[in-house]
Amino acid sequence: MQHILFEVREHVATLTLNRPEKLNAVTPAMADALVAHVEDCNTRADVRAVVLTGAGEKAFCAGSDIAELDGYASPWEFRNRPDYCDAIRALRKPVVCAINGYALGGGLETAMSCDIRIAAEHARLGAPEVKLGWIGGGGMSYMLAHSIGASNAALMLMQGDPITAQQALQWGLVSELVPAGELLARAQAIAAAIASRPPIAVETAKANLRAAYAMPLETAIQYERDLQTVCFGTADAAEGRQAFKERRAASFQGR
């Protein structure tokens, strides 16, 4: 659909929320399209990393289109709608988010659902739902608390005002600040570097990092060791060891 742009170049897929006149606010149709693109990316061998961004210079995403929320027949139907944050978390491939302006509400949740976040210097990030009488429902509290600590998360969630990109960097909510004109290229460069690594090892690293959030230390170490053993037995790992011995660049095939 015209409101979700998708392209693949050299193993990197770029997904662009393309509704800049509405600050890239997500409609139900856009959420459905994101779900479809995620399913496509997960099955394509030529996609090894994903970049997610928004069109225009004002916003990455302002969350759900509030004008469409009253279209649900009941709160329960709203509860069970296809969720774009869930879709991004369902990506097995690494995701780099390029935050090119406002990331508000569900837009912030979407950004936090990505693995790596970089932001334009003018970006602003916030959880304004409390100002309208509700709270986020896409993992906002969990992800903020794990990213920036309980006190900072409480400040954002209970006050509802956005923070600057500089504050987000200081708190660890984003990894880098980049001039707006260089943001997409930088995100794609990070994704390209990841895409050059052995695909199984990269996807395993992502799965392991996510699992580690819910495990005590000793269990996490044992789980990591099991995943390490699985990776060690792949053809790519054998190629990596052989290339190291022969002092040449490795060629990874995802096997």
C-alpha atoms as a PDB file:
ATOM      1  CA  MET A   1       0.000   0.000   0.000  1.00  0.00           C
ATOM      2  CA  GLN A   2       1.086   3.582  -0.564  1.00  0.00           C
ATOM      3  CA  HIS A   3       1.392   4.316   3.166  1.00  0.00           C
ATOM      4  CA  ILE A   4       4.037   1.600   3.703  1.00  0.00           C
ATOM      5  CA  LEU A   5       7.044   1.673   1.395  1.00  0.00           C
ATOM      6  CA  PHE A   6       9.250  -1.407   1.081  1.00  0.00           C
ATOM      7  CA  GLU A   7      12.476  -2.088  -0.779  1.00  0.00           C
ATOM      8  CA  VAL A   8      15.389  -4.499  -0.525  1.00  0.00           C
ATOM      9  CA  ARG A   9      18.962  -3.676  -1.479  1.00  0.00           C
ATOM     10  CA  GLU A  10      21.985  -5.848  -0.793  1.00  0.00           C
ATOM     11  CA  HIS A  11      20.298  -7.925   1.931  1.00  0.00           C
ATOM     12  CA  VAL A  12      18.847  -4.864   3.725  1.00  0.00           C
ATOM     13  CA  ALA A  13      15.098  -4.239   3.643  1.00  0.00           C
ATOM     14  CA  THR A  14      13.904  -0.687   4.293  1.00  0.00           C
ATOM     15  CA  LEU A  15      10.376  -0.189   5.621  1.00  0.00           C
ATOM     16  CA  THR A  16       9.113   3.396   5.538  1.00  0.00           C
ATOM     17  CA  LEU A  17       5.958   4.662   7.198  1.00  0.00           C
ATOM     18  CA  ASN A  18       4.722   6.958   4.450  1.00  0.00           C
ATOM     19  CA  ARG A  19       2.027   9.245   5.787  1.00  0.00           C
ATOM     20  CA  PRO A  20       4.006  12.388   6.591  1.00  0.00           C
ATOM     21  CA  GLU A  21       0.972  14.693   6.417  1.00  0.00           C
ATOM     22  CA  LYS A  22      -0.350  12.833   9.499  1.00  0.00           C
ATOM     23  CA  LEU A  23       3.053  12.473  11.194  1.00  0.00           C
ATOM     24  CA  ASN A  24       3.090   8.866   9.952  1.00  0.00           C
ATOM     25  CA  ALA A  25       0.300   7.916  12.359  1.00  0.00           C
ATOM     26  CA  VAL A  26      -0.619   4.275  11.825  1.00  0.00           C
ATOM     27  CA  THR A  27      -4.039   3.216  10.563  1.00  0.00           C
ATOM     28  CA  PRO A  28      -5.436  -0.327  10.847  1.00  0.00           C
ATOM     29  CA  ALA A  29      -4.671  -0.865   7.161  1.00  0.00           C
ATOM     30  CA  MET A  30      -1.052   0.185   7.735  1.00  0.00           C
ATOM     31  CA  ALA A  31      -0.816  -2.222  10.676  1.00  0.00           C
ATOM     32  CA  ASP A  32      -2.061  -5.043   8.444  1.00  0.00           C
ATOM     33  CA  ALA A  33       0.523  -4.117   5.811  1.00  0.00           C
ATOM     34  CA  LEU A  34       3.323  -4.137   8.384  1.00  0.00           C
ATOM     35  CA  VAL A  35       2.270  -7.603   9.537  1.00  0.00           C
ATOM     36  CA  ALA A  36       2.424  -8.816   5.927  1.00  0.00           C
ATOM     37  CA  HIS A  37       5.850  -7.273   5.304  1.00  0.00           C
ATOM     38  CA  VAL A  38       7.224  -8.839   8.495  1.00  0.00           C
ATOM     39  CA  GLU A  39       6.000 -12.265   7.436  1.00  0.00           C
ATOM     40  CA  ASP A  40       7.616 -11.708   4.047  1.00  0.00           C
ATOM     41  CA  CYS A  41      10.948 -10.591   5.529  1.00  0.00           C
ATOM     42  CA  ASN A  42      11.065 -13.547   7.903  1.00  0.00           C
ATOM     43  CA  THR A  43      10.841 -16.013   5.015  1.00  0.00           C
ATOM     44  CA  ARG A  44      13.183 -14.277   2.547  1.00  0.00           C
ATOM     45  CA  ALA A  45      16.776 -15.443   2.471  1.00  0.00           C
ATOM     46  CA  ASP A  46      17.802 -12.237   0.684  1.00  0.00           C
ATOM     47  CA  VAL A  47      16.724 -10.138   3.687  1.00  0.00           C
ATOM     48  CA  ARG A  48      19.256 -10.252   6.510  1.00  0.00           C
ATOM     49  CA  ALA A  49      18.535  -6.948   8.267  1.00  0.00           C
ATOM     50  CA  VAL A  50      15.761  -4.350   8.283  1.00  0.00           C
ATOM     51  CA  VAL A  51      15.695  -0.554   8.590  1.00  0.00           C
ATOM     52  CA  LEU A  52      12.492   1.057   9.847  1.00  0.00           C
ATOM     53  CA  THR A  53      11.912   4.781   9.417  1.00  0.00           C
ATOM     54  CA  GLY A  54       9.269   7.395   8.627  1.00  0.00           C
ATOM     55  CA  ALA A  55       8.776   9.659   5.651  1.00  0.00           C
ATOM     56  CA  GLY A  56       9.356  13.385   5.929  1.00  0.00           C
ATOM     57  CA  GLU A  57      11.362  15.419   8.419  1.00  0.00           C
ATOM     58  CA  LYS A  58       8.804  15.973  11.187  1.00  0.00           C
ATOM     59  CA  ALA A  59       8.079  12.510  12.503  1.00  0.00           C
ATOM     60  CA  PHE A  60       9.084   8.903  12.643  1.00  0.00           C
ATOM     61  CA  CYS A  61       5.636   7.962  13.912  1.00  0.00           C
ATOM     62  CA  ALA A  62       3.031   9.652  16.100  1.00  0.00           C
ATOM     63  CA  GLY A  63       1.493   6.310  17.067  1.00  0.00           C
ATOM     64  CA  SER A  64      -1.994   5.147  16.182  1.00  0.00           C
ATOM     65  CA  ASP A  65      -4.245   7.479  14.246  1.00  0.00           C
ATOM     66  CA  ILE A  66      -6.508   8.659  17.082  1.00  0.00           C
ATOM     67  CA  ALA A  67      -9.220   9.655  14.611  1.00  0.00           C
ATOM     68  CA  GLU A  68      -9.669   5.964  13.761  1.00  0.00           C
ATOM     69  CA  LEU A  69      -9.739   4.559  17.285  1.00  0.00           C
ATOM     70  CA  ASP A  70     -13.479   5.103  17.691  1.00  0.00           C
ATOM     71  CA  GLY A  71     -14.011   2.860  14.674  1.00  0.00           C
ATOM     72  CA  TYR A  72     -13.613  -0.252  16.801  1.00  0.00           C
ATOM     73  CA  ALA A  73     -16.922  -1.795  17.839  1.00  0.00           C
ATOM     74  CA  SER A  74     -15.810  -2.300  21.440  1.00  0.00           C
ATOM     75  CA  PRO A  75     -12.784  -1.947  23.716  1.00  0.00           C
ATOM     76  CA  TRP A  76     -12.346  -5.714  23.389  1.00  0.00           C
ATOM     77  CA  GLU A  77     -12.113  -5.465  19.603  1.00  0.00           C
ATOM     78  CA  PHE A  78      -9.544  -2.712  20.096  1.00  0.00           C
ATOM     79  CA  ARG A  79      -7.680  -4.993  22.511  1.00  0.00           C
ATOM     80  CA  ASN A  80      -7.457  -7.781  19.924  1.00  0.00           C
ATOM     81  CA  ARG A  81      -6.580  -5.711  16.851  1.00  0.00           C
ATOM     82  CA  PRO A  82      -3.479  -6.570  14.777  1.00  0.00           C
ATOM     83  CA  ASP A  83      -0.779  -4.509  16.491  1.00  0.00           C
ATOM     84  CA  TYR A  84       2.090  -2.919  14.594  1.00  0.00           C
ATOM     85  CA  CYS A  85       4.420  -3.097  17.614  1.00  0.00           C
ATOM     86  CA  ASP A  86       3.789  -6.833  17.865  1.00  0.00           C
ATOM     87  CA  ALA A  87       4.559  -7.077  14.160  1.00  0.00           C
ATOM     88  CA  ILE A  88       7.966  -5.425  14.529  1.00  0.00           C
ATOM     89  CA  ARG A  89       8.820  -7.627  17.522  1.00  0.00           C
ATOM     90  CA  ALA A  90       7.930 -10.666  15.392  1.00  0.00           C
ATOM     91  CA  LEU A  91      10.806  -9.903  13.012  1.00  0.00           C
ATOM     92  CA  ARG A  92      13.512 -12.531  13.393  1.00  0.00           C
ATOM     93  CA  LYS A  93      15.945 -10.360  11.443  1.00  0.00           C
ATOM     94  CA  PRO A  94      17.729  -7.489  13.236  1.00  0.00           C
ATOM     95  CA  VAL A  95      15.926  -4.145  12.974  1.00  0.00           C
ATOM     96  CA  VAL A  96      17.553  -0.704  13.000  1.00  0.00           C
ATOM     97  CA  CYS A  97      15.180   2.176  13.689  1.00  0.00           C
ATOM     98  CA  ALA A  98      15.940   5.605  12.205  1.00  0.00           C
ATOM     99  CA  ILE A  99      13.949   8.090  14.297  1.00  0.00           C
ATOM    100  CA  ASN A 100      13.641  11.112  12.046  1.00  0.00           C
ATOM    101  CA  GLY A 101      11.468  13.329  14.250  1.00  0.00           C
ATOM    102  CA  TYR A 102       8.623  12.721  16.689  1.00  0.00           C
ATOM    103  CA  ALA A 103       8.300   9.198  18.105  1.00  0.00           C
ATOM    104  CA  LEU A 104       5.187   9.400  20.244  1.00  0.00           C
ATOM    105  CA  GLY A 105       2.952   6.819  21.888  1.00  0.00           C
ATOM    106  CA  GLY A 106       2.778   3.781  19.657  1.00  0.00           C
ATOM    107  CA  GLY A 107       5.546   5.346  17.585  1.00  0.00           C
ATOM    108  CA  LEU A 108       7.863   5.207  20.579  1.00  0.00           C
ATOM    109  CA  GLU A 109       6.738   1.634  21.291  1.00  0.00           C
ATOM    110  CA  THR A 110       7.494   0.754  17.673  1.00  0.00           C
ATOM    111  CA  ALA A 111      10.958   2.271  17.936  1.00  0.00           C
ATOM    112  CA  MET A 112      11.619   0.392  21.173  1.00  0.00           C
ATOM    113  CA  SER A 113      10.470  -2.825  19.496  1.00  0.00           C
ATOM    114  CA  CYS A 114      13.475  -2.471  17.187  1.00  0.00           C
ATOM    115  CA  ASP A 115      16.898  -3.806  18.174  1.00  0.00           C
ATOM    116  CA  ILE A 116      18.945  -0.664  17.551  1.00  0.00           C
ATOM    117  CA  ARG A 117      17.750   2.933  17.609  1.00  0.00           C
ATOM    118  CA  ILE A 118      19.474   5.980  16.189  1.00  0.00           C
ATOM    119  CA  ALA A 119      17.862   9.398  16.044  1.00  0.00           C
ATOM    120  CA  ALA A 120      18.069  12.683  14.222  1.00  0.00           C
ATOM    121  CA  GLU A 121      19.281  15.518  16.407  1.00  0.00           C
ATOM    122  CA  HIS A 122      15.860  17.198  16.316  1.00  0.00           C
ATOM    123  CA  ALA A 123      13.914  14.060  17.308  1.00  0.00           C
ATOM    124  CA  ARG A 124      11.598  14.061  20.313  1.00  0.00           C
ATOM    125  CA  LEU A 125      10.364  10.929  22.049  1.00  0.00           C
ATOM    126  CA  GLY A 126       7.373  10.655  24.332  1.00  0.00           C
ATOM    127  CA  ALA A 127       4.551   8.628  25.869  1.00  0.00           C
ATOM    128  CA  PRO A 128       1.675  11.127  25.803  1.00  0.00           C
ATOM    129  CA  GLU A 129      -1.215   8.651  26.212  1.00  0.00           C
ATOM    130  CA  VAL A 130      -1.749   9.629  29.861  1.00  0.00           C
ATOM    131  CA  LYS A 131      -2.740  13.111  28.716  1.00  0.00           C
ATOM    132  CA  LEU A 132      -5.672  11.609  26.800  1.00  0.00           C
ATOM    133  CA  GLY A 133      -6.855   9.254  29.519  1.00  0.00           C
ATOM    134  CA  TRP A 134      -5.150   5.955  28.796  1.00  0.00           C
ATOM    135  CA  ILE A 135      -1.704   4.330  28.780  1.00  0.00           C
ATOM    136  CA  GLY A 136       0.366   2.600  26.143  1.00  0.00           C
ATOM    137  CA  GLY A 137      -0.473  -0.995  25.295  1.00  0.00           C
ATOM    138  CA  GLY A 138       2.407  -2.142  23.113  1.00  0.00           C
ATOM    139  CA  GLY A 139       4.942  -2.862  25.831  1.00  0.00           C
ATOM    140  CA  MET A 140       5.644   0.765  26.723  1.00  0.00           C
ATOM    141  CA  SER A 141       6.165   0.333  30.484  1.00  0.00           C
ATOM    142  CA  TYR A 142       8.284  -2.816  30.218  1.00  0.00           C
ATOM    143  CA  MET A 143      10.525  -1.534  27.467  1.00  0.00           C
ATOM    144  CA  LEU A 144      11.011   1.929  28.953  1.00  0.00           C
ATOM    145  CA  ALA A 145      11.866   0.516  32.382  1.00  0.00           C
ATOM    146  CA  HIS A 146      14.409  -1.853  30.847  1.00  0.00           C
ATOM    147  CA  SER A 147      15.883   0.868  28.637  1.00  0.00           C
ATOM    148  CA  ILE A 148      16.110   3.909  30.903  1.00  0.00           C
ATOM    149  CA  GLY A 149      15.370   2.724  34.453  1.00  0.00           C
ATOM    150  CA  ALA A 150      12.269   2.870  36.609  1.00  0.00           C
ATOM    151  CA  SER A 151      12.485   6.529  37.641  1.00  0.00           C
ATOM    152  CA  ASN A 152      13.043   7.885  34.137  1.00  0.00           C
ATOM    153  CA  ALA A 153      10.323   5.579  32.813  1.00  0.00           C
ATOM    154  CA  ALA A 154       7.904   6.853  35.464  1.00  0.00           C
ATOM    155  CA  LEU A 155       8.680  10.436  34.499  1.00  0.00           C
ATOM    156  CA  MET A 156       7.863   9.782  30.866  1.00  0.00           C
ATOM    157  CA  LEU A 157       4.808   7.624  31.512  1.00  0.00           C
ATOM    158  CA  MET A 158       3.149   9.726  34.219  1.00  0.00           C
ATOM    159  CA  GLN A 159       3.980  13.196  32.957  1.00  0.00           C
ATOM    160  CA  GLY A 160       3.519  12.453  29.277  1.00  0.00           C
ATOM    161  CA  ASP A 161       5.823  15.163  27.948  1.00  0.00           C
ATOM    162  CA  PRO A 162       8.359  14.262  25.229  1.00  0.00           C
ATOM    163  CA  ILE A 163      12.087  14.297  25.836  1.00  0.00           C
ATOM    164  CA  THR A 164      14.727  15.599  23.463  1.00  0.00           C
ATOM    165  CA  ALA A 165      16.995  13.381  21.404  1.00  0.00           C
ATOM    166  CA  GLN A 166      19.902  14.538  23.553  1.00  0.00           C
ATOM    167  CA  GLN A 167      18.099  13.356  26.700  1.00  0.00           C
ATOM    168  CA  ALA A 168      17.221  10.062  25.002  1.00  0.00           C
ATOM    169  CA  LEU A 169      20.904   9.531  24.202  1.00  0.00           C
ATOM    170  CA  GLN A 170      21.949  10.350  27.755  1.00  0.00           C
ATOM    171  CA  TRP A 171      19.430   7.881  29.151  1.00  0.00           C
ATOM    172  CA  GLY A 172      20.367   5.144  26.686  1.00  0.00           C
ATOM    173  CA  LEU A 173      17.080   5.128  24.816  1.00  0.00           C
ATOM    174  CA  VAL A 174      18.964   5.652  21.537  1.00  0.00           C
ATOM    175  CA  SER A 175      22.499   4.657  20.564  1.00  0.00           C
ATOM    176  CA  GLU A 176      23.496   7.580  18.334  1.00  0.00           C
ATOM    177  CA  LEU A 177      22.424  11.063  17.285  1.00  0.00           C
ATOM    178  CA  VAL A 178      22.930  11.910  13.624  1.00  0.00           C
ATOM    179  CA  PRO A 179      22.244  15.048  11.566  1.00  0.00           C
ATOM    180  CA  ALA A 180      18.856  14.643   9.911  1.00  0.00           C
ATOM    181  CA  GLY A 181      20.290  14.527   6.405  1.00  0.00           C
ATOM    182  CA  GLU A 182      22.594  11.635   7.312  1.00  0.00           C
ATOM    183  CA  LEU A 183      20.182   9.576   9.396  1.00  0.00           C
ATOM    184  CA  LEU A 184      18.848   7.089   6.857  1.00  0.00           C
ATOM    185  CA  ALA A 185      22.271   6.468   5.330  1.00  0.00           C
ATOM    186  CA  ARG A 186      23.726   5.809   8.773  1.00  0.00           C
ATOM    187  CA  ALA A 187      20.914   3.404   9.667  1.00  0.00           C
ATOM    188  CA  GLN A 188      21.362   1.552   6.398  1.00  0.00           C
ATOM    189  CA  ALA A 189      25.131   1.374   6.952  1.00  0.00           C
ATOM    190  CA  ILE A 190      24.597  -0.210  10.373  1.00  0.00           C
ATOM    191  CA  ALA A 191      22.111  -2.657   8.862  1.00  0.00           C
ATOM    192  CA  ALA A 192      24.494  -3.470   6.009  1.00  0.00           C
ATOM    193  CA  ALA A 193      27.284  -4.263   8.461  1.00  0.00           C
ATOM    194  CA  ILE A 194      24.955  -6.601  10.352  1.00  0.00           C
ATOM    195  CA  ALA A 195      23.759  -8.159   7.093  1.00  0.00           C
ATOM    196  CA  SER A 196      27.365  -9.026   6.206  1.00  0.00           C
ATOM    197  CA  ARG A 197      27.625 -11.266   9.281  1.00  0.00           C
ATOM    198  CA  PRO A 198      26.553 -14.940   9.330  1.00  0.00           C
ATOM    199  CA  PRO A 199      22.720 -14.822   9.254  1.00  0.00           C
ATOM    200  CA  ILE A 200      22.130 -17.716  11.650  1.00  0.00           C
ATOM    201  CA  ALA A 201      24.514 -16.289  14.227  1.00  0.00           C
ATOM    202  CA  VAL A 202      22.932 -12.842  13.972  1.00  0.00           C
ATOM    203  CA  GLU A 203      19.371 -14.130  14.346  1.00  0.00           C
ATOM    204  CA  THR A 204      20.496 -16.330  17.227  1.00  0.00           C
ATOM    205  CA  ALA A 205      22.131 -13.359  18.947  1.00  0.00           C
ATOM    206  CA  LYS A 206      18.844 -11.450  18.668  1.00  0.00           C
ATOM    207  CA  ALA A 207      16.812 -14.348  20.057  1.00  0.00           C
ATOM    208  CA  ASN A 208      19.296 -14.849  22.883  1.00  0.00           C
ATOM    209  CA  LEU A 209      19.289 -11.180  23.876  1.00  0.00           C
ATOM    210  CA  ARG A 210      15.504 -11.115  24.029  1.00  0.00           C
ATOM    211  CA  ALA A 211      15.356 -14.323  26.070  1.00  0.00           C
ATOM    212  CA  ALA A 212      17.951 -13.009  28.517  1.00  0.00           C
ATOM    213  CA  TYR A 213      15.513 -10.312  29.689  1.00  0.00           C
ATOM    214  CA  ALA A 214      13.318 -12.952  31.295  1.00  0.00           C
ATOM    215  CA  MET A 215      15.954 -15.280  32.751  1.00  0.00           C
ATOM    216  CA  PRO A 216      18.042 -15.341  35.904  1.00  0.00           C
ATOM    217  CA  LEU A 217      21.796 -15.220  35.337  1.00  0.00           C
ATOM    218  CA  GLU A 218      22.677 -18.905  35.536  1.00  0.00           C
ATOM    219  CA  THR A 219      19.753 -19.943  33.337  1.00  0.00           C
ATOM    220  CA  ALA A 220      20.656 -17.252  30.814  1.00  0.00           C
ATOM    221  CA  ILE A 221      24.255 -18.461  30.656  1.00  0.00           C
ATOM    222  CA  GLN A 222      23.203 -22.074  30.073  1.00  0.00           C
ATOM    223  CA  TYR A 223      20.723 -21.004  27.388  1.00  0.00           C
ATOM    224  CA  GLU A 224      23.379 -18.881  25.705  1.00  0.00           C
ATOM    225  CA  ARG A 225      25.818 -21.795  25.792  1.00  0.00           C
ATOM    226  CA  ASP A 226      23.256 -24.063  24.128  1.00  0.00           C
ATOM    227  CA  LEU A 227      22.660 -21.504  21.381  1.00  0.00           C
ATOM    228  CA  GLN A 228      26.413 -21.088  20.957  1.00  0.00           C
ATOM    229  CA  THR A 229      26.691 -24.835  20.386  1.00  0.00           C
ATOM    230  CA  VAL A 230      23.949 -24.744  17.749  1.00  0.00           C
ATOM    231  CA  CYS A 231      25.724 -21.928  15.900  1.00  0.00           C
ATOM    232  CA  PHE A 232      29.099 -23.656  16.208  1.00  0.00           C
ATOM    233  CA  GLY A 233      27.748 -26.597  14.217  1.00  0.00           C
ATOM    234  CA  THR A 234      26.637 -24.549  11.198  1.00  0.00           C
ATOM    235  CA  ALA A 235      28.382 -24.433   7.839  1.00  0.00           C
ATOM    236  CA  ASP A 236      28.820 -20.674   8.279  1.00  0.00           C
ATOM    237  CA  ALA A 237      30.753 -21.190  11.519  1.00  0.00           C
ATOM    238  CA  ALA A 238      33.010 -23.714   9.782  1.00  0.00           C
ATOM    239  CA  GLU A 239      33.526 -21.216   6.955  1.00  0.00           C
ATOM    240  CA  GLY A 240      34.357 -18.498   9.476  1.00  0.00           C
ATOM    241  CA  ARG A 241      37.000 -20.644  11.131  1.00  0.00           C
ATOM    242  CA  GLN A 242      38.483 -21.689   7.799  1.00  0.00           C
ATOM    243  CA  ALA A 243      38.551 -18.119   6.496  1.00  0.00           C
ATOM    244  CA  PHE A 244      40.300 -17.031   9.688  1.00  0.00           C
ATOM    245  CA  LYS A 245      42.972 -19.695   9.209  1.00  0.00           C
ATOM    246  CA  GLU A 246      43.446 -18.776   5.559  1.00  0.00           C
ATOM    247  CA  ARG A 247      43.389 -15.042   6.275  1.00  0.00           C
ATOM    248  CA  ARG A 248      40.665 -14.317   3.738  1.00  0.00           C
ATOM    249  CA  ALA A 249      37.197 -12.829   3.773  1.00  0.00           C
ATOM    250  CA  ALA A 250      34.523 -15.342   4.683  1.00  0.00           C
ATOM    251  CA  SER A 251      31.519 -16.082   2.491  1.00  0.00           C
ATOM    252  CA  PHE A 252      28.435 -16.762   4.597  1.00  0.00           C
ATOM    253  CA  GLN A 253      25.429 -18.545   3.102  1.00  0.00           C
ATOM    254  CA  GLY A 254      23.052 -18.817   6.044  1.00  0.00           C
ATOM    255  CA  ARG A 255      23.564 -22.553   6.468  1.00  0.00           C
END
